[in-house]
N, C-alpha and C. Protein backbone atom coordinates (compact mmCIF):
# COMPACT_ATOMS: atom_id res chain seq x y z
N MET A 1 0.71 -1.31 0.06
CA MET A 1 0.00 0.22 0.11
C MET A 1 0.69 1.25 -0.13
N ALA A 2 0.27 2.06 -0.51
CA ALA A 2 1.17 3.46 -0.80
C ALA A 2 0.45 4.71 -0.05
N GLY A 3 1.53 5.51 0.41
CA GLY A 3 0.81 6.61 1.57
C GLY A 3 0.73 7.92 0.07
N HIS A 4 -0.24 8.97 0.43
CA HIS A 4 -0.56 10.06 -0.31
C HIS A 4 -0.70 10.95 0.39
N THR A 5 0.04 12.09 0.27
CA THR A 5 -0.82 13.52 1.14
C THR A 5 -0.67 14.50 0.08
N GLU A 6 -1.58 15.36 0.56
CA GLU A 6 -1.52 16.36 -0.43
C GLU A 6 -1.92 17.83 0.43
N ARG A 7 -1.51 18.77 0.62
CA ARG A 7 -1.72 20.16 1.20
C ARG A 7 -1.07 21.50 0.17
N ALA A 8 -2.03 22.53 0.56
CA ALA A 8 -1.86 24.01 0.05
C ALA A 8 -1.87 24.79 0.61
N ILE A 9 -1.10 25.74 0.61
CA ILE A 9 -1.40 27.27 0.97
C ILE A 9 -1.20 28.46 -0.05
N VAL A 10 -1.95 29.38 0.52
CA VAL A 10 -1.94 30.62 -0.28
C VAL A 10 -0.80 31.74 0.11
N ILE A 11 0.40 31.92 -0.17
CA ILE A 11 1.31 32.90 -0.16
C ILE A 11 0.88 34.63 -0.88
N SER A 12 0.44 35.36 0.02
CA SER A 12 0.13 36.70 -0.21
C SER A 12 1.65 37.47 -0.53
N ALA A 13 2.49 37.23 -1.89
CA ALA A 13 3.39 37.46 -2.61
C ALA A 13 3.30 37.57 -4.35
N PRO A 14 4.41 38.07 -4.97
CA PRO A 14 4.63 38.24 -6.23
C PRO A 14 5.10 36.41 -6.50
N ALA A 15 4.26 36.01 -7.47
CA ALA A 15 4.73 34.78 -8.24
C ALA A 15 6.38 34.11 -8.43
N ASP A 16 6.82 35.24 -8.71
CA ASP A 16 8.35 35.41 -8.93
C ASP A 16 8.93 34.79 -7.46
N LEU A 17 8.63 35.96 -6.71
CA LEU A 17 9.59 36.09 -5.21
C LEU A 17 9.34 34.52 -4.62
N VAL A 18 7.86 33.98 -4.63
CA VAL A 18 7.61 32.83 -4.04
C VAL A 18 8.43 31.71 -4.81
N TRP A 19 8.38 31.80 -6.01
CA TRP A 19 9.23 30.76 -6.72
C TRP A 19 10.42 30.86 -6.51
N ARG A 20 10.98 32.33 -6.52
CA ARG A 20 12.46 32.01 -6.27
C ARG A 20 12.98 31.35 -4.58
N MET A 21 12.59 32.15 -3.74
CA MET A 21 12.62 31.72 -2.38
C MET A 21 12.44 30.49 -1.98
N THR A 22 11.41 29.29 -2.79
CA THR A 22 11.00 28.26 -2.33
C THR A 22 11.95 27.05 -3.24
N ASN A 23 12.51 27.82 -3.90
CA ASN A 23 13.45 26.75 -4.78
C ASN A 23 14.94 26.97 -4.61
N ASP A 24 15.17 27.72 -3.73
CA ASP A 24 16.40 28.21 -3.73
C ASP A 24 17.02 27.34 -2.12
N VAL A 25 17.11 25.85 -2.70
CA VAL A 25 17.48 25.06 -1.65
C VAL A 25 18.59 25.27 -0.74
N GLU A 26 19.65 26.09 -1.34
CA GLU A 26 20.75 26.15 -0.11
C GLU A 26 20.04 27.22 0.96
N SER A 27 19.03 27.78 0.86
CA SER A 27 18.22 28.35 1.84
C SER A 27 17.44 27.93 2.83
N TRP A 28 16.99 26.96 2.47
CA TRP A 28 16.18 25.87 3.01
C TRP A 28 16.27 26.24 4.67
N PRO A 29 17.34 26.13 5.19
CA PRO A 29 17.55 25.66 6.61
C PRO A 29 16.61 27.39 7.27
N ASP A 30 16.90 28.38 6.58
CA ASP A 30 16.24 29.60 7.21
C ASP A 30 14.56 29.55 6.50
N LEU A 31 14.27 28.73 5.77
CA LEU A 31 13.09 28.84 5.21
C LEU A 31 12.38 27.70 6.19
N PHE A 32 13.14 26.62 6.20
CA PHE A 32 12.37 25.61 7.00
C PHE A 32 12.56 25.67 8.25
N SER A 33 11.77 25.36 9.24
CA SER A 33 12.38 25.06 10.89
C SER A 33 12.68 23.76 10.97
N GLU A 34 12.86 22.79 10.35
CA GLU A 34 13.33 21.12 10.65
C GLU A 34 14.62 21.16 10.15
N TYR A 35 14.96 21.93 9.00
CA TYR A 35 16.62 21.63 8.44
C TYR A 35 17.49 22.26 9.16
N ALA A 36 18.65 21.64 9.48
CA ALA A 36 19.84 22.41 9.91
C ALA A 36 20.75 23.04 8.93
N LYS A 37 20.88 21.89 7.91
CA LYS A 37 21.92 21.92 6.79
C LYS A 37 21.51 21.52 5.57
N ALA A 38 21.43 22.43 4.56
CA ALA A 38 21.24 21.85 3.25
C ALA A 38 22.41 21.93 2.01
N GLU A 39 23.09 20.95 1.37
CA GLU A 39 24.37 20.92 0.80
C GLU A 39 23.87 20.68 -0.55
N ILE A 40 24.44 21.35 -1.27
CA ILE A 40 24.22 20.90 -3.08
C ILE A 40 25.46 19.91 -3.06
N ILE A 41 24.92 19.03 -3.54
CA ILE A 41 26.09 18.01 -4.38
C ILE A 41 26.08 18.21 -5.73
N HIS A 42 24.98 18.61 -6.62
CA HIS A 42 25.46 18.58 -8.29
C HIS A 42 24.24 19.48 -8.81
N ARG A 43 24.47 20.22 -9.74
CA ARG A 43 23.53 20.78 -10.11
C ARG A 43 23.71 21.13 -11.79
N GLU A 44 22.31 20.58 -12.58
CA GLU A 44 22.72 20.61 -13.69
C GLU A 44 21.64 21.49 -14.43
N GLY A 45 21.69 22.22 -14.95
CA GLY A 45 20.01 22.84 -15.56
C GLY A 45 19.35 23.50 -14.46
N ASP A 46 18.06 22.66 -14.39
CA ASP A 46 17.05 23.16 -13.56
C ASP A 46 16.90 22.04 -12.11
N THR A 47 17.83 20.87 -12.05
CA THR A 47 18.19 19.91 -11.76
C THR A 47 19.12 20.09 -10.55
N VAL A 48 18.93 19.58 -9.17
CA VAL A 48 19.82 20.04 -8.31
C VAL A 48 19.69 18.59 -7.12
N ARG A 49 20.86 18.06 -6.92
CA ARG A 49 20.99 16.99 -5.98
C ARG A 49 21.55 17.41 -4.64
N PHE A 50 20.84 17.47 -3.87
CA PHE A 50 21.52 18.01 -2.23
C PHE A 50 20.96 17.01 -1.16
N ARG A 51 21.71 17.34 -0.16
CA ARG A 51 21.40 16.67 1.17
C ARG A 51 21.01 17.51 1.94
N LEU A 52 19.55 16.82 2.49
CA LEU A 52 19.36 17.64 3.79
C LEU A 52 19.62 16.97 5.13
N THR A 53 20.10 17.73 6.03
CA THR A 53 20.18 17.30 7.49
C THR A 53 19.45 18.16 8.64
N MET A 54 18.25 17.41 9.22
CA MET A 54 17.52 17.87 10.12
C MET A 54 18.18 18.24 11.36
N HIS A 55 17.36 19.01 12.22
CA HIS A 55 18.21 19.60 13.75
C HIS A 55 18.20 17.98 14.21
N PRO A 56 18.65 17.83 15.51
CA PRO A 56 18.77 16.69 16.29
C PRO A 56 17.34 16.12 17.05
N ASP A 57 17.04 15.11 17.12
CA ASP A 57 15.63 14.98 17.62
C ASP A 57 15.78 14.66 19.16
N ASP A 58 15.24 13.86 19.53
CA ASP A 58 14.80 14.09 21.21
C ASP A 58 15.91 13.11 21.85
N ASP A 59 16.42 12.42 20.64
CA ASP A 59 17.45 11.10 21.06
C ASP A 59 18.67 11.66 20.56
N GLY A 60 19.04 12.61 20.10
CA GLY A 60 20.00 13.23 19.52
C GLY A 60 20.44 13.06 17.85
N ASN A 61 19.63 12.18 17.27
CA ASN A 61 19.83 11.94 16.28
C ASN A 61 19.50 13.08 15.03
N ALA A 62 20.83 13.18 13.91
CA ALA A 62 20.42 14.34 12.87
C ALA A 62 20.26 13.46 11.71
N TRP A 63 18.87 13.32 11.48
CA TRP A 63 18.52 12.60 10.26
C TRP A 63 19.15 13.50 8.97
N SER A 64 19.71 12.64 8.24
CA SER A 64 20.37 13.26 7.03
C SER A 64 19.85 12.26 5.55
N TRP A 65 19.70 12.96 4.39
CA TRP A 65 19.31 12.26 3.40
C TRP A 65 19.70 12.81 2.24
N VAL A 66 19.71 12.25 0.98
CA VAL A 66 20.05 13.01 -0.28
C VAL A 66 18.66 13.23 -1.26
N SER A 67 18.57 14.33 -1.71
CA SER A 67 17.07 14.36 -2.54
C SER A 67 17.68 14.93 -4.00
N GLU A 68 16.66 14.86 -4.99
CA GLU A 68 16.98 15.53 -6.02
C GLU A 68 15.67 15.98 -6.67
N ARG A 69 16.00 17.02 -7.16
CA ARG A 69 14.59 17.85 -7.38
C ARG A 69 14.75 18.59 -8.76
N THR A 70 13.86 18.57 -9.90
CA THR A 70 13.73 19.33 -11.29
C THR A 70 12.89 20.46 -10.95
N ALA A 71 13.20 21.56 -11.36
CA ALA A 71 12.16 22.75 -11.69
C ALA A 71 11.85 22.91 -12.84
N ASP A 72 10.44 23.14 -13.12
CA ASP A 72 10.15 23.36 -14.41
C ASP A 72 9.36 24.74 -14.41
N PRO A 73 10.30 26.07 -14.40
CA PRO A 73 9.69 26.73 -14.60
C PRO A 73 8.73 27.82 -15.26
N ALA A 74 8.67 27.08 -16.46
CA ALA A 74 7.40 27.54 -17.54
C ALA A 74 6.07 26.67 -16.85
N THR A 75 6.09 25.55 -16.19
CA THR A 75 4.67 25.31 -15.63
C THR A 75 5.20 25.47 -14.20
N ARG A 76 5.79 26.08 -13.54
CA ARG A 76 5.78 26.45 -12.12
C ARG A 76 5.60 25.35 -11.18
N THR A 77 6.32 24.04 -11.74
CA THR A 77 5.88 22.66 -10.83
C THR A 77 7.68 22.27 -10.93
N VAL A 78 7.82 21.60 -9.61
CA VAL A 78 8.74 21.04 -9.43
C VAL A 78 8.43 19.59 -8.84
N ARG A 79 9.37 18.74 -9.60
CA ARG A 79 9.17 16.89 -9.17
C ARG A 79 10.63 16.86 -8.07
N ALA A 80 10.04 15.98 -7.16
CA ALA A 80 11.91 15.78 -6.79
C ALA A 80 11.17 14.39 -5.95
N HIS A 81 12.32 13.40 -5.62
CA HIS A 81 12.58 12.21 -4.98
C HIS A 81 13.65 12.10 -4.08
N ARG A 82 13.65 11.34 -2.87
CA ARG A 82 14.66 10.83 -2.69
C ARG A 82 15.79 9.85 -3.16
N VAL A 83 16.72 10.02 -3.03
CA VAL A 83 17.61 9.37 -3.79
C VAL A 83 18.01 8.17 -2.58
N GLU A 84 18.46 8.83 -1.54
CA GLU A 84 18.84 7.76 -0.54
C GLU A 84 17.69 7.93 0.33
N THR A 85 16.61 6.92 -0.10
CA THR A 85 15.41 6.69 0.51
C THR A 85 15.43 6.40 1.86
N GLY A 86 16.05 5.69 2.87
CA GLY A 86 16.24 5.53 4.11
C GLY A 86 15.32 4.40 4.36
N TRP A 87 14.24 5.08 5.38
CA TRP A 87 12.91 4.03 5.69
C TRP A 87 12.09 4.13 4.90
N PHE A 88 12.35 4.74 3.78
CA PHE A 88 10.82 4.86 2.66
C PHE A 88 11.35 3.76 1.54
N GLU A 89 10.55 3.00 0.82
CA GLU A 89 11.06 2.27 -0.45
C GLU A 89 11.08 3.68 -1.60
N TYR A 90 9.87 4.64 -1.28
CA TYR A 90 10.17 5.81 -2.18
C TYR A 90 9.67 6.71 -1.61
N MET A 91 10.09 8.21 -2.19
CA MET A 91 9.39 9.34 -1.83
C MET A 91 9.45 10.16 -2.57
N ASN A 92 8.14 10.38 -3.38
CA ASN A 92 8.39 11.41 -4.43
C ASN A 92 7.27 12.73 -4.07
N ILE A 93 7.69 13.91 -4.18
CA ILE A 93 7.33 14.96 -4.19
C ILE A 93 6.83 15.83 -5.32
N ARG A 94 5.67 16.32 -5.40
CA ARG A 94 5.52 17.03 -6.43
C ARG A 94 5.16 18.62 -5.90
N TRP A 95 5.51 19.63 -6.05
CA TRP A 95 5.33 20.85 -5.75
C TRP A 95 4.65 21.67 -7.09
N GLU A 96 3.17 22.36 -6.86
CA GLU A 96 2.88 23.11 -7.84
C GLU A 96 2.56 24.66 -7.40
N TYR A 97 2.36 25.42 -8.16
CA TYR A 97 2.39 26.55 -7.57
C TYR A 97 1.24 27.35 -9.15
N ARG A 98 0.22 28.19 -8.48
CA ARG A 98 -0.67 28.87 -9.48
C ARG A 98 -1.08 30.06 -8.63
N GLU A 99 -1.36 30.95 -9.67
CA GLU A 99 -1.79 32.57 -8.93
C GLU A 99 -3.13 32.07 -8.93
N VAL A 100 -3.48 32.66 -7.61
CA VAL A 100 -4.70 32.59 -7.21
C VAL A 100 -5.20 34.06 -6.61
N PRO A 101 -6.59 34.17 -6.37
CA PRO A 101 -7.08 35.64 -5.90
C PRO A 101 -6.33 35.72 -4.61
N GLY A 102 -5.49 36.68 -4.09
CA GLY A 102 -5.11 36.90 -3.04
C GLY A 102 -3.17 36.38 -2.91
N GLY A 103 -2.83 35.72 -4.08
CA GLY A 103 -1.47 35.35 -4.10
C GLY A 103 -1.23 34.21 -4.95
N VAL A 104 0.00 33.50 -4.23
CA VAL A 104 0.18 32.16 -4.98
C VAL A 104 -0.32 31.07 -4.30
N GLU A 105 -0.87 30.13 -4.53
CA GLU A 105 -1.09 28.84 -4.17
C GLU A 105 0.28 27.79 -3.99
N MET A 106 0.78 27.37 -3.13
CA MET A 106 1.52 26.68 -3.13
C MET A 106 1.24 25.06 -2.94
N ARG A 107 1.00 24.12 -3.36
CA ARG A 107 0.62 22.37 -3.24
C ARG A 107 2.07 21.75 -3.43
N TRP A 108 1.66 21.33 -2.36
CA TRP A 108 2.55 19.87 -2.31
C TRP A 108 2.18 18.46 -2.17
N ILE A 109 2.13 17.77 -2.95
CA ILE A 109 1.97 16.36 -3.35
C ILE A 109 3.04 15.17 -3.02
N GLN A 110 2.75 14.47 -1.85
CA GLN A 110 3.48 13.55 -1.53
C GLN A 110 3.05 12.25 -1.87
N ASP A 111 3.57 11.38 -2.29
CA ASP A 111 3.45 9.64 -2.69
C ASP A 111 4.38 9.10 -2.22
N PHE A 112 4.45 7.84 -1.20
CA PHE A 112 5.67 7.30 -0.59
C PHE A 112 4.93 5.84 -0.28
N ARG A 113 6.20 5.45 0.07
CA ARG A 113 6.11 3.80 0.58
C ARG A 113 6.95 3.57 1.48
N MET A 114 6.87 2.98 2.99
CA MET A 114 7.46 2.46 3.70
C MET A 114 7.95 1.18 3.17
N LYS A 115 9.17 0.85 3.76
CA LYS A 115 9.69 -0.46 3.73
C LYS A 115 9.63 -1.25 5.16
N ALA A 116 9.58 -2.65 4.82
CA ALA A 116 8.68 -3.29 5.79
C ALA A 116 9.37 -3.14 7.17
N GLU A 117 10.91 -2.97 6.89
CA GLU A 117 11.63 -3.02 8.40
C GLU A 117 11.90 -1.48 9.00
N SER A 118 10.99 -0.62 8.31
CA SER A 118 10.86 1.05 9.11
C SER A 118 10.29 1.14 10.39
N PRO A 119 10.96 1.66 11.12
CA PRO A 119 10.20 1.43 12.57
C PRO A 119 8.82 2.62 12.69
N VAL A 120 8.31 2.92 11.51
CA VAL A 120 6.94 3.65 11.45
C VAL A 120 6.04 2.82 10.37
N ASP A 121 4.87 2.76 10.64
CA ASP A 121 4.35 1.82 9.36
C ASP A 121 3.67 3.45 8.60
N LEU A 122 2.98 2.90 7.30
CA LEU A 122 2.42 3.80 6.36
C LEU A 122 1.77 4.86 7.41
N GLU A 123 0.82 4.47 8.19
CA GLU A 123 -0.03 5.06 8.55
C GLU A 123 0.60 6.25 9.47
N GLN A 124 1.19 5.88 10.45
CA GLN A 124 2.10 6.66 11.30
C GLN A 124 2.76 7.90 10.63
N MET A 125 3.06 7.39 9.42
CA MET A 125 4.38 8.35 8.74
C MET A 125 3.40 9.46 7.97
N THR A 126 1.94 8.72 7.34
CA THR A 126 1.37 9.74 6.88
C THR A 126 0.37 10.88 7.94
N ARG A 127 0.44 10.44 8.95
CA ARG A 127 -0.04 11.25 10.23
C ARG A 127 1.27 12.03 10.45
N ARG A 128 2.49 11.66 10.48
CA ARG A 128 3.38 12.49 10.90
C ARG A 128 3.76 13.57 9.46
N ILE A 129 3.49 13.41 8.19
CA ILE A 129 3.76 13.99 6.92
C ILE A 129 2.59 15.08 7.40
N ASP A 130 1.17 14.87 7.82
CA ASP A 130 -0.04 15.49 7.55
C ASP A 130 0.00 16.32 8.70
N THR A 131 0.61 16.08 9.74
CA THR A 131 1.14 17.27 10.94
C THR A 131 2.07 18.29 10.96
N ASN A 132 3.08 17.62 10.32
CA ASN A 132 4.18 18.82 9.66
C ASN A 132 4.30 19.59 8.55
N THR A 133 3.40 18.98 7.63
CA THR A 133 3.51 20.05 6.58
C THR A 133 3.01 20.94 6.46
N PRO A 134 1.58 21.26 7.18
CA PRO A 134 1.02 22.63 7.68
C PRO A 134 1.90 23.49 7.94
N VAL A 135 2.53 22.86 9.49
CA VAL A 135 3.47 24.02 10.25
C VAL A 135 4.65 24.52 9.09
N GLN A 136 5.39 23.58 8.55
CA GLN A 136 6.20 24.10 7.57
C GLN A 136 5.52 25.00 6.51
N MET A 137 4.54 24.72 5.91
CA MET A 137 4.14 26.03 4.89
C MET A 137 3.42 26.86 5.60
N LYS A 138 3.08 27.20 6.57
CA LYS A 138 2.83 28.44 7.63
C LYS A 138 4.02 29.18 7.93
N LEU A 139 5.35 28.37 8.23
CA LEU A 139 6.42 29.29 8.45
C LEU A 139 6.82 30.04 6.79
N ILE A 140 6.82 28.96 6.04
CA ILE A 140 7.26 29.66 4.53
C ILE A 140 6.25 30.73 4.27
N LYS A 141 5.21 30.75 4.22
CA LYS A 141 4.47 31.81 4.25
C LYS A 141 4.52 32.78 4.80
N GLU A 142 4.96 32.93 6.03
CA GLU A 142 5.21 34.13 6.87
C GLU A 142 6.31 34.72 6.23
N LYS A 143 7.55 33.62 6.33
CA LYS A 143 9.04 34.59 5.56
C LYS A 143 8.91 34.76 4.49
N VAL A 144 7.99 34.24 3.22
CA VAL A 144 7.92 34.90 1.84
C VAL A 144 7.32 36.41 2.24
N GLU A 145 6.17 35.77 2.76
CA GLU A 145 5.43 37.36 3.08
C GLU A 145 5.83 38.49 3.70
N GLN A 146 6.71 38.36 4.59
CA GLN A 146 7.82 39.63 5.08
C GLN A 146 8.97 39.68 4.38
N ALA A 147 9.09 38.99 3.21
CA ALA A 147 10.23 39.31 2.25
C ALA A 147 9.69 40.00 1.20
N ALA A 148 8.50 39.94 0.76
CA ALA A 148 7.72 40.85 -0.21
C ALA A 148 7.19 42.13 0.96
N ARG A 149 6.91 41.83 2.18
CA ARG A 149 6.93 43.54 2.15
C ARG A 149 7.90 44.23 2.50
N GLU A 150 9.20 43.54 2.83
CA GLU A 150 10.15 44.14 3.13
C GLU A 150 10.69 44.95 1.48
N ALA A 151 10.26 44.23 0.56
CA ALA A 151 10.66 44.54 -0.89
C ALA A 151 9.67 45.65 -1.37
N GLY A 152 8.71 45.56 -0.77
CA GLY A 152 7.49 46.44 -1.14
C GLY A 152 6.76 46.20 -2.50
N THR A 153 6.45 44.58 -2.32
CA THR A 153 6.02 44.03 -3.49
C THR A 153 4.80 43.61 -3.33
N THR A 154 4.27 43.77 -2.32
CA THR A 154 2.75 42.81 -1.89
C THR A 154 1.70 43.77 -2.23
């Protein structure tokens, strides 16, 4: 069985700013609260391979993995997947952006499957993602909207 989550938020900022800030992987530790480090491994055209490292958890574990994402500026979509899957059989993420009244809707669609030996099952991971995604999206919204205000582009 596969997991699927889908969440969206409207960011009150110009589309170019939303696109630029949310696709600047190097700045993700400043944009997301969960990432301590983002290291670019390879970049070719609109595709970037990178290592994300989370802040240490309560047990002191700093989880890390390699992902790859390809941005399509023409369609304002991004396709990403984990290269180092860890406890996942696979993790695929699609980011979609579209202009709507009031700003830009940013949507994350995540499809995944857990390995049998994973310490969390599909239902637990789905709950974890569904709980954390709105928190991260709200934080991103606040930071991008603040940048738009500071630039006088709201």
